[in-house]
Amino acid sequence: MDTPILDEITKKIKSLPDNLQRQVLIFIDALQVSSMRGSPGKVLLEFSGTISPDDLTLMEQAIESGCEHVDSSEW
């Protein structure tokens, strides 16, 4: 079932070099994964309070010390 949008997308993708076509494919895969629905909040309530206060403090400290830090050699 072709639609004008699919036809236009196909035409534009065909004009791209192979490496960019691969990037489009990866992007489409990411879109499909991100559109999957997670669990409703009600289901997750059973986990509420299961992380100890000490662990929460450690997590908070790790976030605060590591956020907004750029490692220029990583890229």
Protein backbone atom coordinates (compact mmCIF):
# COMPACT_ATOMS: atom_id res chain seq x y z
CA MET A 1 0.00 0.00 0.00
CA ASP A 2 1.82 3.08 -1.25
CA THR A 3 0.94 6.56 -0.13
CA PRO A 4 2.27 9.91 -1.33
CA ILE A 5 4.35 10.23 1.86
CA LEU A 6 5.92 6.79 1.46
CA ASP A 7 6.61 7.50 -2.20
CA GLU A 8 8.36 10.76 -1.33
CA ILE A 9 10.37 9.15 1.48
CA THR A 10 11.42 6.26 -0.77
CA LYS A 11 12.46 8.64 -3.55
CA LYS A 12 14.58 10.74 -1.20
CA ILE A 13 16.18 7.73 0.51
CA LYS A 14 17.13 6.21 -2.85
CA SER A 15 19.02 9.38 -3.72
CA LEU A 16 21.19 9.11 -0.59
CA PRO A 17 24.55 7.32 -0.52
CA ASP A 18 24.68 3.95 1.23
CA ASN A 19 26.12 5.28 4.50
CA LEU A 20 23.29 7.80 4.86
CA GLN A 21 20.70 5.18 3.94
CA ARG A 22 22.11 3.10 6.81
CA GLN A 23 21.67 6.09 9.16
CA VAL A 24 18.05 6.45 8.05
CA LEU A 25 17.49 2.77 8.77
CA ILE A 26 19.01 3.11 12.25
CA PHE A 27 16.82 6.16 12.88
CA ILE A 28 13.68 4.27 11.81
CA ASP A 29 14.61 1.40 14.12
CA ALA A 30 15.04 3.87 17.00
CA LEU A 31 11.65 5.43 16.26
CA GLN A 32 9.99 2.03 16.35
CA VAL A 33 11.57 1.16 19.69
CA SER A 34 10.72 4.54 21.22
CA SER A 35 7.08 4.20 20.19
CA MET A 36 6.69 1.07 22.29
CA ARG A 37 4.65 1.65 25.40
CA GLY A 38 5.98 0.97 28.84
CA SER A 39 4.19 -0.17 31.96
CA PRO A 40 1.42 1.93 33.47
CA GLY A 41 2.31 3.76 36.69
CA LYS A 42 -0.06 1.57 38.71
CA VAL A 43 2.06 -1.45 37.92
CA LEU A 44 5.23 0.34 38.99
CA LEU A 45 3.84 1.42 42.36
CA GLU A 46 4.78 -1.94 43.86
CA PHE A 47 8.43 -0.84 43.56
CA SER A 48 7.88 2.41 45.43
CA GLY A 49 10.13 2.67 48.48
CA THR A 50 12.29 -0.32 47.58
CA ILE A 51 15.50 1.70 47.23
CA SER A 52 17.11 2.38 50.58
CA PRO A 53 17.62 6.02 51.66
CA ASP A 54 21.40 5.42 51.74
CA ASP A 55 21.37 4.21 48.14
CA LEU A 56 19.23 7.19 47.12
CA THR A 57 21.76 9.54 48.69
CA LEU A 58 24.61 7.81 46.82
CA MET A 59 22.68 8.06 43.56
CA GLU A 60 21.96 11.74 44.13
CA GLN A 61 25.63 12.45 44.86
CA ALA A 62 26.72 10.59 41.73
CA ILE A 63 24.27 12.55 39.59
CA GLU A 64 25.32 15.89 41.07
CA SER A 65 29.03 15.19 40.68
CA GLY A 66 28.77 13.79 37.15
CA CYS A 67 26.19 16.02 35.50
CA GLU A 68 27.23 18.82 33.19
CA HIS A 69 30.71 17.31 32.98
CA VAL A 70 32.11 17.09 29.46
CA ASP A 71 34.84 14.64 28.64
CA SER A 72 36.39 16.18 25.52
CA SER A 73 38.39 13.04 24.75
CA GLU A 74 35.24 10.92 24.64
CA TRP A 75 34.23 12.18 21.20
